[in-house]
Amino acid sequence: MERQFRNLDDATKSRISQKLKGRTMSDSHKQAISDAMKAYWATIPYRPENNDSNNQNNETSM
Protein backbone atom coordinates (compact mmCIF):
# COMPACT_ATOMS: atom_id res chain seq x y z
CA MET A 1 0.00 0.00 0.00
CA GLU A 2 1.41 3.37 -0.99
CA ARG A 3 1.10 6.50 1.11
CA GLN A 4 -1.32 9.00 -0.41
CA PHE A 5 -1.13 11.95 1.99
CA ARG A 6 1.34 13.40 4.49
CA ASN A 7 -0.99 13.48 7.46
CA LEU A 8 -0.76 10.62 10.01
CA ASP A 9 -2.74 9.91 13.16
CA ASP A 10 -1.00 10.74 16.43
CA ALA A 11 -1.35 7.10 17.49
CA THR A 12 0.53 5.99 14.38
CA LYS A 13 3.29 8.54 14.99
CA SER A 14 3.60 7.30 18.57
CA ARG A 15 3.92 3.64 17.50
CA ILE A 16 6.61 4.52 14.96
CA SER A 17 8.49 6.57 17.56
CA GLN A 18 8.42 3.76 20.13
CA LYS A 19 9.64 1.23 17.58
CA LEU A 20 12.65 3.38 16.60
CA LYS A 21 13.76 4.29 20.14
CA GLY A 22 17.18 3.00 21.22
CA ARG A 23 18.68 2.64 17.75
CA THR A 24 22.16 4.11 17.24
CA MET A 25 23.32 5.40 13.88
CA SER A 26 26.43 7.16 12.63
CA ASP A 27 26.21 10.83 11.69
CA SER A 28 26.77 10.04 8.00
CA HIS A 29 23.93 7.50 8.09
CA LYS A 30 21.60 10.02 9.77
CA GLN A 31 22.42 12.57 7.05
CA ALA A 32 21.79 10.02 4.27
CA ILE A 33 18.40 9.16 5.81
CA SER A 34 17.56 12.86 6.15
CA ASP A 35 18.39 13.58 2.50
CA ALA A 36 16.40 10.59 1.27
CA MET A 37 13.35 11.49 3.39
CA LYS A 38 13.39 15.11 2.19
CA ALA A 39 13.33 13.90 -1.42
CA TYR A 40 10.56 11.37 -0.63
CA TRP A 41 8.29 13.81 1.22
CA ALA A 42 8.63 16.37 -1.57
CA THR A 43 6.59 13.98 -3.75
CA ILE A 44 3.75 13.35 -1.24
CA PRO A 45 0.91 15.92 -1.18
CA TYR A 46 -0.90 17.19 1.89
CA ARG A 47 -4.41 15.83 2.56
CA PRO A 48 -7.01 18.26 1.19
CA GLU A 49 -9.04 20.13 3.82
CA ASN A 50 -12.76 19.32 3.96
CA ASN A 51 -14.15 22.77 3.26
CA ASP A 52 -17.83 23.03 2.38
CA SER A 53 -17.09 25.73 -0.18
CA ASN A 54 -14.89 23.32 -2.16
CA ASN A 55 -17.42 20.48 -2.08
CA GLN A 56 -20.45 22.39 -3.35
CA ASN A 57 -21.81 21.70 -6.79
CA ASN A 58 -21.22 24.63 -9.11
CA GLU A 59 -24.52 24.61 -10.97
CA THR A 60 -23.94 28.17 -12.16
CA SER A 61 -20.87 27.13 -14.13
CA MET A 62 -22.75 24.60 -16.26
C-alpha atoms as a PDB file:
ATOM      1  CA  MET A   1       0.000   0.000   0.000  1.00  0.00           C
ATOM      2  CA  GLU A   2       1.407   3.370  -0.994  1.00  0.00           C
ATOM      3  CA  ARG A   3       1.097   6.501   1.113  1.00  0.00           C
ATOM      4  CA  GLN A   4      -1.317   9.000  -0.413  1.00  0.00           C
ATOM      5  CA  PHE A   5      -1.125  11.949   1.994  1.00  0.00           C
ATOM      6  CA  ARG A   6       1.343  13.396   4.495  1.00  0.00           C
ATOM      7  CA  ASN A   7      -0.993  13.480   7.463  1.00  0.00           C
ATOM      8  CA  LEU A   8      -0.761  10.621  10.006  1.00  0.00           C
ATOM      9  CA  ASP A   9      -2.743   9.914  13.159  1.00  0.00           C
ATOM     10  CA  ASP A  10      -0.996  10.744  16.428  1.00  0.00           C
ATOM     11  CA  ALA A  11      -1.354   7.095  17.490  1.00  0.00           C
ATOM     12  CA  THR A  12       0.532   5.987  14.380  1.00  0.00           C
ATOM     13  CA  LYS A  13       3.286   8.540  14.992  1.00  0.00           C
ATOM     14  CA  SER A  14       3.601   7.301  18.574  1.00  0.00           C
ATOM     15  CA  ARG A  15       3.917   3.640  17.504  1.00  0.00           C
ATOM     16  CA  ILE A  16       6.613   4.521  14.964  1.00  0.00           C
ATOM     17  CA  SER A  17       8.489   6.573  17.562  1.00  0.00           C
ATOM     18  CA  GLN A  18       8.415   3.758  20.130  1.00  0.00           C
ATOM     19  CA  LYS A  19       9.641   1.235  17.577  1.00  0.00           C
ATOM     20  CA  LEU A  20      12.649   3.384  16.600  1.00  0.00           C
ATOM     21  CA  LYS A  21      13.757   4.290  20.139  1.00  0.00           C
ATOM     22  CA  GLY A  22      17.178   3.002  21.221  1.00  0.00           C
ATOM     23  CA  ARG A  23      18.679   2.636  17.749  1.00  0.00           C
ATOM     24  CA  THR A  24      22.157   4.113  17.243  1.00  0.00           C
ATOM     25  CA  MET A  25      23.320   5.400  13.876  1.00  0.00           C
ATOM     26  CA  SER A  26      26.431   7.156  12.630  1.00  0.00           C
ATOM     27  CA  ASP A  27      26.212  10.830  11.691  1.00  0.00           C
ATOM     28  CA  SER A  28      26.775  10.041   8.003  1.00  0.00           C
ATOM     29  CA  HIS A  29      23.933   7.497   8.095  1.00  0.00           C
ATOM     30  CA  LYS A  30      21.603  10.020   9.769  1.00  0.00           C
ATOM     31  CA  GLN A  31      22.424  12.566   7.048  1.00  0.00           C
ATOM     32  CA  ALA A  32      21.788  10.019   4.275  1.00  0.00           C
ATOM     33  CA  ILE A  33      18.399   9.161   5.813  1.00  0.00           C
ATOM     34  CA  SER A  34      17.557  12.858   6.146  1.00  0.00           C
ATOM     35  CA  ASP A  35      18.394  13.583   2.496  1.00  0.00           C
ATOM     36  CA  ALA A  36      16.396  10.593   1.267  1.00  0.00           C
ATOM     37  CA  MET A  37      13.348  11.488   3.390  1.00  0.00           C
ATOM     38  CA  LYS A  38      13.385  15.111   2.187  1.00  0.00           C
ATOM     39  CA  ALA A  39      13.325  13.897  -1.416  1.00  0.00           C
ATOM     40  CA  TYR A  40      10.562  11.372  -0.628  1.00  0.00           C
ATOM     41  CA  TRP A  41       8.291  13.807   1.219  1.00  0.00           C
ATOM     42  CA  ALA A  42       8.632  16.368  -1.567  1.00  0.00           C
ATOM     43  CA  THR A  43       6.593  13.984  -3.751  1.00  0.00           C
ATOM     44  CA  ILE A  44       3.747  13.346  -1.243  1.00  0.00           C
ATOM     45  CA  PRO A  45       0.910  15.924  -1.180  1.00  0.00           C
ATOM     46  CA  TYR A  46      -0.901  17.193   1.892  1.00  0.00           C
ATOM     47  CA  ARG A  47      -4.406  15.825   2.556  1.00  0.00           C
ATOM     48  CA  PRO A  48      -7.011  18.261   1.193  1.00  0.00           C
ATOM     49  CA  GLU A  49      -9.037  20.127   3.817  1.00  0.00           C
ATOM     50  CA  ASN A  50     -12.761  19.321   3.964  1.00  0.00           C
ATOM     51  CA  ASN A  51     -14.148  22.775   3.259  1.00  0.00           C
ATOM     52  CA  ASP A  52     -17.827  23.031   2.383  1.00  0.00           C
ATOM     53  CA  SER A  53     -17.092  25.735  -0.178  1.00  0.00           C
ATOM     54  CA  ASN A  54     -14.892  23.323  -2.164  1.00  0.00           C
ATOM     55  CA  ASN A  55     -17.415  20.481  -2.081  1.00  0.00           C
ATOM     56  CA  GLN A  56     -20.453  22.392  -3.345  1.00  0.00           C
ATOM     57  CA  ASN A  57     -21.812  21.701  -6.792  1.00  0.00           C
ATOM     58  CA  ASN A  58     -21.218  24.629  -9.111  1.00  0.00           C
ATOM     59  CA  GLU A  59     -24.524  24.615 -10.972  1.00  0.00           C
ATOM     60  CA  THR A  60     -23.943  28.169 -12.164  1.00  0.00           C
ATOM     61  CA  SER A  61     -20.866  27.132 -14.133  1.00  0.00           C
ATOM     62  CA  MET A  62     -22.747  24.597 -16.261  1.00  0.00           C
END
